[in-house]
């Protein structure tokens, strides 16, 4: 195809005239130069205009402060990307340059993509989230129930940060006495994660001594790098292994960390953690007041009811004091009558004695009466002496008979190791082996206790077994 170059500015030297291309030829030349000159490159830029049509390919623009370039990642390569690309994320794209001839545009065919800067951190966090979620660390069924009324609190945070000051300020308004223990740790920096994990492990060890109701782990807000310690695996596992119910209170309202997902309770800020505790205590206080009101009303009603019953009883019963007074008067009257009766009887007996004395004196005279009295006293003494001798003699004879009886007692024989054998069926004493047969039950009584035995062989069987030789009479095999 021939072209004619029109020179409006006048004639120019023939060797300085520009080389003339068609659009297709020029585009092909540019494509050749770019694709052979940049066969494999890496480009860092910010993702924008990200789109994924039904084909599964990913189209986007890479840009920086001064320029931008189109890019495409085909579906086969996209499946190998280990994170989720998002607009605004800074990434490193590795691939080759390509010129799309129909539009005369050049672009990057991306074969590999990885996040850079904040994007890299976010990608690692997302990767860790997927790992821990697959292990079940985020599931609600493994999380411990929160205490009914927390009063002993362990706070794991910086000793100089605003978090502990905010927590203490809020807890001063708690309705119940609240005990706070601070475990000072670093909350940002390279050693922060290990420091927090060690504090949680120490809480498990010291729980038996301090009996904490709940642990608050957290810090104030900050950038993603500031909160990085709470997005680490070591802290997540330490929270999961903590035996005490744990509250994660990290950052501000918009911040959300892995520790929030693992903890038994997530609150947006350290202040909110303290407010949750105060609210819990106030709910308990309110419930207690409600229950106390119900109890007071019930007790008051019961007291009123018993008061009414007591009033009815007082009306139906006599005054106990009056009854007691009546009984005392009755006793005094009986006592007085009894004394008078006794005096009268004694006086009568005394008169009778005097009368008898006078009759004796008239009959016998004084000397004879005194002699008879002495004779009676002498007889009394002799009777007492004779009775004493008789008792002594009888006691001596009784002891002699007791000794003789003990000598003849079968129980003394038992004390020397002998036994008495009774037939269990009728209680008769077994004197010969023929008195029992095999299968009978016998009762053997030694000096103390008793034994129940089963007869296995009779005398006759033993004779037969031993060839008829003489067997001692009375032998039993049990």
Protein backbone atom coordinates (compact mmCIF):
# COMPACT_ATOMS: atom_id res chain seq x y z
CA UNK A 1 0.00 0.00 0.00
CA UNK A 2 1.43 3.39 -1.07
CA UNK A 3 1.12 6.65 0.88
CA UNK A 4 1.85 10.14 -0.20
CA UNK A 5 3.26 12.59 2.35
CA UNK A 6 1.95 16.10 1.90
CA UNK A 7 4.38 18.79 2.90
CA UNK A 8 2.48 21.90 4.01
CA UNK A 9 5.54 23.51 5.48
CA UNK A 10 7.53 23.42 2.29
CA UNK A 11 9.89 20.92 0.87
CA UNK A 12 12.25 19.07 3.27
CA UNK A 13 15.30 16.95 2.58
CA UNK A 14 14.40 13.50 1.51
CA UNK A 15 16.51 11.77 4.24
CA UNK A 16 14.79 13.72 7.07
CA UNK A 17 11.29 12.67 6.21
CA UNK A 18 9.56 10.50 8.98
CA UNK A 19 9.08 6.79 8.51
CA UNK A 20 5.44 6.14 7.71
CA UNK A 21 3.49 3.22 9.40
CA UNK A 22 0.00 2.08 9.40
CA UNK A 23 -1.66 1.88 12.81
CA UNK A 24 -1.44 -1.87 12.75
CA UNK A 25 2.21 -1.82 11.74
CA UNK A 26 3.10 0.71 14.43
CA UNK A 27 1.18 -1.19 17.08
CA UNK A 28 2.86 -4.42 16.04
CA UNK A 29 6.28 -2.74 16.27
CA UNK A 30 5.51 -1.34 19.72
CA UNK A 31 4.21 -4.76 20.84
CA UNK A 32 7.41 -6.36 19.59
CA UNK A 33 9.63 -3.82 21.36
CA UNK A 34 7.76 -3.94 24.72
CA UNK A 35 7.25 -7.65 24.94
CA UNK A 36 10.81 -8.52 23.97
CA UNK A 37 12.34 -5.62 25.93
CA UNK A 38 10.40 -6.42 29.19
CA UNK A 39 9.91 -10.19 29.11
CA UNK A 40 9.43 -10.59 32.90
CA UNK A 41 8.95 -7.71 35.34
CA UNK A 42 7.68 -6.87 38.83
CA UNK A 43 5.60 -3.78 39.45
CA UNK A 44 4.55 -2.28 42.82
CA UNK A 45 1.38 -0.25 42.93
CA UNK A 46 -2.02 0.32 44.50
CA UNK A 47 -4.99 -1.75 43.35
CA UNK A 48 -7.96 0.12 41.90
CA UNK A 49 -10.91 -0.56 39.59
CA UNK A 50 -10.82 -4.19 40.65
CA UNK A 51 -13.37 -6.36 38.85
CA UNK A 52 -13.96 -10.07 38.35
CA UNK A 53 -16.43 -10.95 35.57
CA UNK A 54 -18.03 -14.35 35.06
CA UNK A 55 -15.00 -15.57 33.16
CA UNK A 56 -13.09 -15.70 36.47
CA UNK A 57 -10.30 -13.43 35.20
CA UNK A 58 -9.38 -10.45 37.41
CA UNK A 59 -9.02 -7.01 35.85
CA UNK A 60 -7.61 -4.05 37.72
CA UNK A 61 -5.42 -0.97 37.52
CA UNK A 62 -2.06 -0.50 39.23
CA UNK A 63 -1.31 3.10 40.13
CA UNK A 64 0.94 5.35 42.15
CA UNK A 65 1.00 9.12 42.66
CA UNK A 66 1.97 9.92 39.05
CA UNK A 67 0.88 7.12 36.72
CA UNK A 68 -1.22 4.03 36.27
CA UNK A 69 -1.19 0.87 34.18
CA UNK A 70 -3.82 -1.70 33.36
CA UNK A 71 -3.36 -5.32 34.47
CA UNK A 72 -5.10 -8.65 34.13
CA UNK A 73 -4.72 -11.89 36.10
CA UNK A 74 -6.19 -14.88 34.32
CA UNK A 75 -8.25 -17.42 36.23
CA UNK A 76 -5.52 -20.11 36.23
CA UNK A 77 -3.08 -17.73 37.93
CA UNK A 78 -5.73 -16.14 40.18
CA UNK A 79 -6.39 -19.42 42.00
CA UNK A 80 -2.77 -19.40 43.22
CA UNK A 81 -3.11 -16.06 45.01
CA UNK A 82 -3.08 -16.73 48.79
CA UNK A 83 -4.99 -13.61 49.88
CA UNK A 84 -8.05 -11.65 48.84
CA UNK A 85 -7.08 -8.58 46.80
CA UNK A 86 -9.03 -5.40 47.59
CA UNK A 87 -9.09 -1.88 46.20
CA UNK A 88 -6.56 0.36 47.93
CA UNK A 89 -4.23 -2.51 48.78
CA UNK A 90 -0.58 -2.11 47.86
CA UNK A 91 0.68 -5.17 46.01
CA UNK A 92 3.64 -6.51 44.10
CA UNK A 93 2.63 -7.95 40.71
CA UNK A 94 5.04 -10.15 38.77
CA UNK A 95 4.37 -10.95 35.13
CA UNK A 96 5.05 -9.78 31.60
CA UNK A 97 4.10 -6.77 29.51
CA UNK A 98 1.51 -7.23 26.80
CA UNK A 99 0.11 -4.91 24.14
CA UNK A 100 -3.56 -5.39 23.25
CA UNK A 101 -3.45 -4.46 19.56
CA UNK A 102 -7.18 -3.85 18.91
CA UNK A 103 -7.13 -0.92 21.36
CA UNK A 104 -3.46 -0.06 21.20
CA UNK A 105 -3.15 -0.39 24.98
CA UNK A 106 -0.40 -2.03 26.93
CA UNK A 107 -1.00 -3.93 30.16
CA UNK A 108 0.61 -6.38 32.53
CA UNK A 109 -0.30 -10.05 32.42
CA UNK A 110 0.04 -10.89 36.13
CA UNK A 111 1.24 -14.39 37.02
CA UNK A 112 1.96 -13.81 40.73
CA UNK A 113 0.70 -11.29 43.28
CA UNK A 114 1.64 -10.68 46.90
CA UNK A 115 0.68 -7.90 49.33
CA UNK A 116 3.08 -5.19 50.39
CA UNK A 117 3.14 -2.98 53.50
CA UNK A 118 -0.16 -2.93 55.37
CA UNK A 119 -1.58 -5.23 52.81
CA UNK A 120 1.02 -7.87 53.66
CA UNK A 121 0.19 -7.63 57.33
CA UNK A 122 -3.51 -7.87 56.59
CA UNK A 123 -2.91 -10.90 54.38
CA UNK A 124 -0.99 -12.68 57.13
CA UNK A 125 -3.74 -11.89 59.59
CA UNK A 126 -6.36 -13.28 57.23
CA UNK A 127 -4.27 -16.40 56.72
CA UNK A 128 -3.99 -16.90 60.49
CA UNK A 129 -7.72 -16.32 60.87
CA UNK A 130 -8.48 -19.08 58.41
CA UNK A 131 -6.10 -21.45 60.20
CA UNK A 132 -7.52 -20.83 63.68
CA UNK A 133 -11.09 -20.92 62.43
CA UNK A 134 -10.43 -24.32 60.86
CA UNK A 135 -9.19 -25.54 64.25
CA UNK A 136 -12.44 -24.38 65.87
CA UNK A 137 -10.92 -21.67 68.11
CA UNK A 138 -13.64 -19.17 67.11
CA UNK A 139 -16.60 -21.46 67.87
CA UNK A 140 -19.01 -20.41 70.60
CA UNK A 141 -19.33 -23.92 72.06
CA UNK A 142 -15.71 -23.88 73.30
CA UNK A 143 -15.98 -20.50 74.96
CA UNK A 144 -16.43 -20.32 78.73
CA UNK A 145 -19.56 -18.72 80.22
CA UNK A 146 -19.02 -15.32 81.78
CA UNK A 147 -19.29 -15.01 85.59
CA UNK A 148 -22.62 -14.05 87.15
CA UNK A 149 -21.22 -11.16 89.20
CA UNK A 150 -17.48 -10.53 88.54
CA UNK A 151 -15.70 -8.81 91.44
CA UNK A 152 -12.08 -10.06 91.24
CA UNK A 153 -10.58 -8.86 87.95
CA UNK A 154 -7.17 -9.40 86.35
CA UNK A 155 -6.21 -6.74 83.79
CA UNK A 156 -3.42 -7.55 81.32
CA UNK A 157 -2.34 -4.31 79.69
CA UNK A 158 0.29 -1.58 79.81
CA UNK A 159 0.88 -0.08 83.24
CA UNK A 160 1.31 3.39 81.73
CA UNK A 161 -1.41 3.35 79.08
CA UNK A 162 -4.83 4.97 79.16
CA UNK A 163 -6.58 1.57 79.23
CA UNK A 164 -5.90 0.80 82.90
CA UNK A 165 -6.82 4.35 83.95
CA UNK A 166 -10.14 4.14 82.08
CA UNK A 167 -10.90 0.73 83.59
CA UNK A 168 -10.21 1.89 87.15
CA UNK A 169 -12.22 5.09 86.63
CA UNK A 170 -15.30 3.15 85.50
CA UNK A 171 -15.00 0.46 88.17
CA UNK A 172 -15.10 3.09 90.93
CA UNK A 173 -18.83 3.33 90.19
CA UNK A 174 -19.43 -0.42 90.66
CA UNK A 175 -22.14 -1.21 93.25
CA UNK A 176 -20.10 -4.03 94.82
CA UNK A 177 -16.53 -4.01 96.11
CA UNK A 178 -14.27 -4.81 93.17
CA UNK A 179 -10.67 -6.04 93.39
CA UNK A 180 -8.42 -5.29 90.41
CA UNK A 181 -5.03 -6.92 89.77
CA UNK A 182 -2.80 -5.43 87.06
CA UNK A 183 -0.39 -7.64 85.10
CA UNK A 184 1.78 -5.02 83.33
CA UNK A 185 2.85 -6.03 79.82
CA UNK A 186 4.07 -4.46 76.61
CA UNK A 187 1.16 -4.00 74.22
CA UNK A 188 3.13 -3.12 71.08
CA UNK A 189 6.53 -3.90 69.72
CA UNK A 190 8.40 -7.09 68.89
CA UNK A 191 8.19 -8.54 72.42
CA UNK A 192 4.58 -7.60 73.12
CA UNK A 193 2.97 -10.83 71.91
CA UNK A 194 5.24 -13.07 74.03
CA UNK A 195 4.76 -10.76 77.02
CA UNK A 196 0.95 -10.98 76.79
CA UNK A 197 1.02 -14.76 76.29
CA UNK A 198 3.30 -15.22 79.33
CA UNK A 199 0.93 -13.12 81.47
CA UNK A 200 -2.01 -15.30 80.43
CA UNK A 201 -0.05 -18.45 81.27
CA UNK A 202 0.89 -17.01 84.67
CA UNK A 203 -2.80 -16.24 85.31
CA UNK A 204 -3.57 -19.97 84.97
CA UNK A 205 -0.85 -20.81 87.51
CA UNK A 206 -1.90 -18.12 90.04
CA UNK A 207 -5.67 -18.65 89.72
CA UNK A 208 -5.85 -20.98 92.72
CA UNK A 209 -4.40 -18.22 94.92
CA UNK A 210 -6.20 -15.12 93.63
CA UNK A 211 -9.46 -16.71 92.36
CA UNK A 212 -10.01 -14.14 89.59
CA UNK A 213 -13.52 -14.06 88.13
CA UNK A 214 -12.52 -12.62 84.76
CA UNK A 215 -9.45 -11.50 82.78
CA UNK A 216 -9.43 -8.33 80.65
CA UNK A 217 -6.80 -8.37 77.88
CA UNK A 218 -6.49 -5.21 75.84
CA UNK A 219 -5.17 -1.77 75.07
CA UNK A 220 -6.29 1.50 73.55
CA UNK A 221 -6.68 2.14 69.86
CA UNK A 222 -3.91 2.48 67.32
CA UNK A 223 -2.77 1.61 63.85
CA UNK A 224 -2.71 -1.91 62.48
CA UNK A 225 0.97 -2.17 63.39
CA UNK A 226 0.19 -0.99 66.96
CA UNK A 227 -2.41 -3.72 67.40
CA UNK A 228 -0.30 -6.42 65.74
CA UNK A 229 0.42 -8.26 69.04
CA UNK A 230 -3.30 -9.04 69.40
CA UNK A 231 -3.34 -10.55 65.89
CA UNK A 232 -0.63 -13.13 66.60
CA UNK A 233 -0.99 -16.88 66.97
CA UNK A 234 0.81 -17.04 70.33
CA UNK A 235 -1.64 -14.60 71.94
CA UNK A 236 -4.65 -16.28 70.33
CA UNK A 237 -3.65 -19.69 71.67
CA UNK A 238 -2.83 -18.27 75.11
CA UNK A 239 -6.34 -16.75 75.30
CA UNK A 240 -7.88 -20.06 74.17
CA UNK A 241 -5.89 -21.96 76.83
CA UNK A 242 -6.73 -19.52 79.63
CA UNK A 243 -8.82 -21.26 82.31
CA UNK A 244 -10.41 -17.96 83.41
CA UNK A 245 -13.22 -16.33 81.39
CA UNK A 246 -11.47 -13.77 79.17
CA UNK A 247 -12.64 -10.44 77.78
CA UNK A 248 -10.81 -9.01 74.76
CA UNK A 249 -10.87 -5.21 74.80
CA UNK A 250 -8.58 -3.99 72.03
CA UNK A 251 -8.58 -0.64 70.27
CA UNK A 252 -11.57 1.48 69.33
CA UNK A 253 -15.02 0.64 68.01
CA UNK A 254 -13.75 0.00 64.46
CA UNK A 255 -10.81 -2.22 65.48
CA UNK A 256 -11.33 -5.98 65.32
CA UNK A 257 -8.49 -8.42 66.13
CA UNK A 258 -7.99 -12.17 66.29
CA UNK A 259 -7.95 -11.98 70.08
CA UNK A 260 -11.53 -10.66 69.85
CA UNK A 261 -12.56 -13.78 67.94
CA UNK A 262 -10.88 -16.23 70.36
CA UNK A 263 -11.85 -14.55 73.64
CA UNK A 264 -14.94 -15.62 75.57
CA UNK A 265 -16.32 -12.08 75.22
CA UNK A 266 -15.38 -9.24 72.87
CA UNK A 267 -15.95 -5.59 73.76
CA UNK A 268 -14.84 -2.67 71.58
CA UNK A 269 -12.69 -0.79 74.15
CA UNK A 270 -11.13 -1.24 77.61
CA UNK A 271 -13.67 1.25 78.93
CA UNK A 272 -16.47 -0.90 77.54
CA UNK A 273 -15.02 -3.92 79.37
CA UNK A 274 -15.24 -2.10 82.70
CA UNK A 275 -18.72 -0.84 81.83
CA UNK A 276 -19.81 -4.43 81.09
CA UNK A 277 -18.62 -5.50 84.56
CA UNK A 278 -20.41 -2.58 86.24
CA UNK A 279 -23.57 -3.30 84.24
CA UNK A 280 -23.39 -6.98 85.24
CA UNK A 281 -23.04 -6.04 88.91
CA UNK A 282 -25.93 -3.60 88.68
CA UNK A 283 -28.12 -6.26 87.12
CA UNK A 284 -27.25 -8.56 90.03
CA UNK A 285 -27.90 -5.75 92.51
CA UNK A 286 -31.25 -5.04 90.90
CA UNK A 287 -32.15 -8.72 90.99
CA UNK A 288 -31.12 -8.97 94.62
CA UNK A 289 -33.22 -5.93 95.49
CA UNK A 290 -36.15 -7.48 93.69
CA UNK A 291 -35.71 -10.80 95.49
CA UNK A 292 -35.21 -9.01 98.81
CA UNK A 293 -38.45 -7.10 98.25
CA UNK A 294 -40.30 -10.33 97.55
CA UNK A 295 -38.81 -11.95 100.66
CA UNK A 296 -39.62 -8.96 102.86
CA UNK A 297 -43.20 -8.92 101.66
CA UNK A 298 -43.51 -12.68 102.17
CA UNK A 299 -42.00 -12.52 105.66
CA UNK A 300 -44.16 -9.53 106.60
CA UNK A 301 -47.25 -11.38 105.43
CA UNK A 302 -46.22 -14.48 107.39
CA UNK A 303 -45.56 -12.42 110.55
CA UNK A 304 -48.93 -10.74 110.19
CA UNK A 305 -50.61 -14.12 109.73
CA UNK A 306 -48.90 -15.57 112.81
CA UNK A 307 -49.77 -12.45 114.76
CA UNK A 308 -53.43 -12.97 113.95
CA UNK A 309 -53.21 -16.64 114.96
CA UNK A 310 -51.48 -15.66 118.20
CA UNK A 311 -54.25 -13.17 118.92
CA UNK A 312 -56.86 -15.86 118.43
CA UNK A 313 -54.93 -18.22 120.73
CA UNK A 314 -54.60 -15.56 123.41
CA UNK A 315 -58.32 -15.04 123.33
CA UNK A 316 -59.07 -18.77 123.52
CA UNK A 317 -56.51 -19.63 126.23
CA UNK A 318 -56.30 -18.49 129.85
CA UNK A 319 -53.50 -16.30 130.99
CA UNK A 320 -50.60 -18.67 131.90
CA UNK A 321 -49.69 -16.44 134.84
CA UNK A 322 -53.16 -16.70 136.26
CA UNK A 323 -53.11 -20.47 135.82
CA UNK A 324 -49.74 -20.60 137.58
CA UNK A 325 -51.02 -18.47 140.44
CA UNK A 326 -54.04 -20.76 140.86
CA UNK A 327 -51.75 -23.80 140.98
CA UNK A 328 -49.49 -22.15 143.55
CA UNK A 329 -52.50 -21.36 145.78
CA UNK A 330 -53.71 -24.96 145.43
CA UNK A 331 -50.27 -26.29 146.40
CA UNK A 332 -50.04 -23.97 149.42
CA UNK A 333 -53.46 -25.14 150.58
CA UNK A 334 -52.55 -28.81 150.17
CA UNK A 335 -49.22 -28.30 151.90
CA UNK A 336 -50.87 -26.62 154.88
CA UNK A 337 -53.50 -29.36 155.14
CA UNK A 338 -50.81 -32.04 154.88
CA UNK A 339 -48.74 -30.47 157.68
CA UNK A 340 -51.78 -30.22 159.93
CA UNK A 341 -52.65 -33.85 159.20
CA UNK A 342 -49.13 -35.05 159.95
CA UNK A 343 -49.02 -33.08 163.20
CA UNK A 344 -52.35 -34.57 164.20
CA UNK A 345 -51.17 -38.12 163.38
CA UNK A 346 -47.88 -37.63 165.22
CA UNK A 347 -49.66 -36.20 168.25
CA UNK A 348 -52.03 -39.16 168.23
CA UNK A 349 -49.16 -41.66 167.96
CA UNK A 350 -47.27 -39.85 170.71
CA UNK A 351 -50.36 -40.01 172.96
CA UNK A 352 -50.76 -43.73 172.17
CA UNK A 353 -47.08 -44.36 173.00
CA UNK A 354 -47.42 -42.55 176.29
CA UNK A 355 -50.57 -44.51 177.06
CA UNK A 356 -48.86 -47.81 176.33
CA UNK A 357 -45.86 -46.77 178.42
CA UNK A 358 -48.09 -45.99 181.38
CA UNK A 359 -49.83 -49.40 181.01
CA UNK A 360 -46.46 -51.19 180.87
CA UNK A 361 -45.25 -49.31 183.92
CA UNK A 362 -48.42 -50.22 185.85
CA UNK A 363 -48.09 -53.88 184.77
CA UNK A 364 -44.39 -54.55 185.22
CA UNK A 365 -42.96 -51.70 187.15
CA UNK A 366 -39.97 -49.60 186.22
CA UNK A 367 -37.20 -52.05 187.15
CA UNK A 368 -38.80 -55.05 185.49
CA UNK A 369 -39.55 -52.99 182.38
CA UNK A 370 -35.93 -51.86 182.20
CA UNK A 371 -34.83 -55.48 182.61
CA UNK A 372 -37.09 -56.64 179.78
CA UNK A 373 -35.75 -53.85 177.57
CA UNK A 374 -32.18 -54.94 178.28
CA UNK A 375 -33.17 -58.55 177.61
CA UNK A 376 -34.67 -57.53 174.25
CA UNK A 377 -31.51 -55.59 173.38
CA UNK A 378 -29.40 -58.67 174.29
CA UNK A 379 -31.57 -60.88 172.10
CA UNK A 380 -31.27 -58.37 169.26
CA UNK A 381 -27.48 -58.43 169.52
CA UNK A 382 -27.39 -62.24 169.61
CA UNK A 383 -29.71 -62.40 166.61
CA UNK A 384 -27.53 -60.01 164.65
CA UNK A 385 -24.39 -62.03 165.53
CA UNK A 386 -26.03 -65.32 164.61
CA UNK A 387 -27.28 -63.95 161.31
CA UNK A 388 -23.80 -62.61 160.51
CA UNK A 389 -22.19 -66.01 161.25
CA UNK A 390 -24.86 -67.77 159.22
CA UNK A 391 -24.28 -65.46 156.24
CA UNK A 392 -20.50 -65.94 156.42
CA UNK A 393 -20.83 -69.74 156.59
CA UNK A 394 -23.33 -69.78 153.74
CA UNK A 395 -21.09 -67.52 151.62
CA UNK A 396 -18.09 -69.78 152.20
CA UNK A 397 -20.08 -72.86 151.24
CA UNK A 398 -21.46 -71.10 148.17
CA UNK A 399 -17.97 -70.22 146.98
CA UNK A 400 -16.87 -73.84 147.52
CA UNK A 401 -19.81 -75.10 145.50
CA UNK A 402 -19.09 -72.49 142.79
CA UNK A 403 -15.49 -73.70 142.52
CA UNK A 404 -16.66 -77.29 142.29
CA UNK A 405 -19.25 -76.37 139.71
CA UNK A 406 -16.63 -74.52 137.65
CA UNK A 407 -14.39 -77.59 137.78
CA UNK A 408 -17.22 -79.73 136.49
CA UNK A 409 -18.45 -77.12 133.95
CA UNK A 410 -18.05 -78.13 130.30
CA UNK A 411 -17.06 -74.56 129.52
CA UNK A 412 -13.80 -75.06 131.43
CA UNK A 413 -13.13 -78.02 129.21
CA UNK A 414 -13.78 -75.80 126.18
CA UNK A 415 -11.21 -73.31 127.48
CA UNK A 416 -8.61 -76.09 127.21
CA UNK A 417 -9.28 -76.39 123.47
CA UNK A 418 -12.15 -78.85 123.31
CA UNK A 419 -15.38 -78.24 121.38
CA UNK A 420 -19.01 -79.36 121.60
CA UNK A 421 -20.65 -80.55 118.37
CA UNK A 422 -24.40 -80.07 117.90
CA UNK A 423 -26.58 -81.45 115.14
CA UNK A 424 -28.00 -78.43 113.37
CA UNK A 425 -31.31 -80.05 112.52
CA UNK A 426 -32.46 -80.73 116.12
CA UNK A 427 -29.77 -79.16 118.33
CA UNK A 428 -28.72 -82.50 119.92
CA UNK A 429 -25.12 -83.13 120.94
CA UNK A 430 -23.17 -85.38 118.56
CA UNK A 431 -21.44 -88.05 120.70
CA UNK A 432 -20.58 -90.52 117.95
CA UNK A 433 -19.77 -90.13 114.27
CA UNK A 434 -22.76 -92.38 113.47
CA UNK A 435 -25.04 -89.60 114.85
CA UNK A 436 -24.56 -87.71 111.57
CA UNK A 437 -24.45 -88.65 107.91
CA UNK A 438 -22.73 -86.91 104.97
CA UNK A 439 -24.58 -83.76 104.02
CA UNK A 440 -25.69 -82.95 107.59
CA UNK A 441 -24.87 -79.50 108.97
CA UNK A 442 -23.31 -79.40 112.43
CA UNK A 443 -22.59 -76.50 114.76
CA UNK A 444 -19.24 -76.57 116.56
CA UNK A 445 -18.96 -74.43 119.68
CA UNK A 446 -15.46 -73.72 121.03
CA UNK A 447 -14.92 -71.62 124.17
CA UNK A 448 -15.96 -68.49 122.28
CA UNK A 449 -18.05 -68.12 119.14
CA UNK A 450 -19.38 -70.96 117.00
CA UNK A 451 -18.76 -72.60 113.61
CA UNK A 452 -21.17 -74.14 111.13
CA UNK A 453 -19.69 -77.09 109.19
CA UNK A 454 -20.88 -79.56 106.58
CA UNK A 455 -20.23 -83.30 107.13
CA UNK A 456 -18.40 -84.67 104.11
CA UNK A 457 -17.60 -88.31 105.14
CA UNK A 458 -19.00 -90.70 107.71
CA UNK A 459 -17.13 -93.19 109.89
CA UNK A 460 -18.38 -96.05 107.76
CA UNK A 461 -16.99 -94.47 104.57
CA UNK A 462 -13.63 -93.93 106.23
CA UNK A 463 -13.55 -97.56 107.30
CA UNK A 464 -14.23 -98.69 103.76
CA UNK A 465 -11.69 -96.30 102.34
CA UNK A 466 -8.98 -97.47 104.74
CA UNK A 467 -9.63 -101.15 104.17
CA UNK A 468 -11.76 -101.70 107.21
CA UNK A 469 -9.04 -100.81 109.71
CA UNK A 470 -10.20 -99.63 113.12
CA UNK A 471 -11.14 -95.99 113.26
CA UNK A 472 -11.23 -94.13 116.55
CA UNK A 473 -14.79 -93.66 117.75
CA UNK A 474 -16.20 -90.14 117.40
CA UNK A 475 -14.08 -89.11 114.35
CA UNK A 476 -15.70 -86.52 112.10
CA UNK A 477 -14.44 -85.14 108.77
CA UNK A 478 -15.74 -81.59 108.15
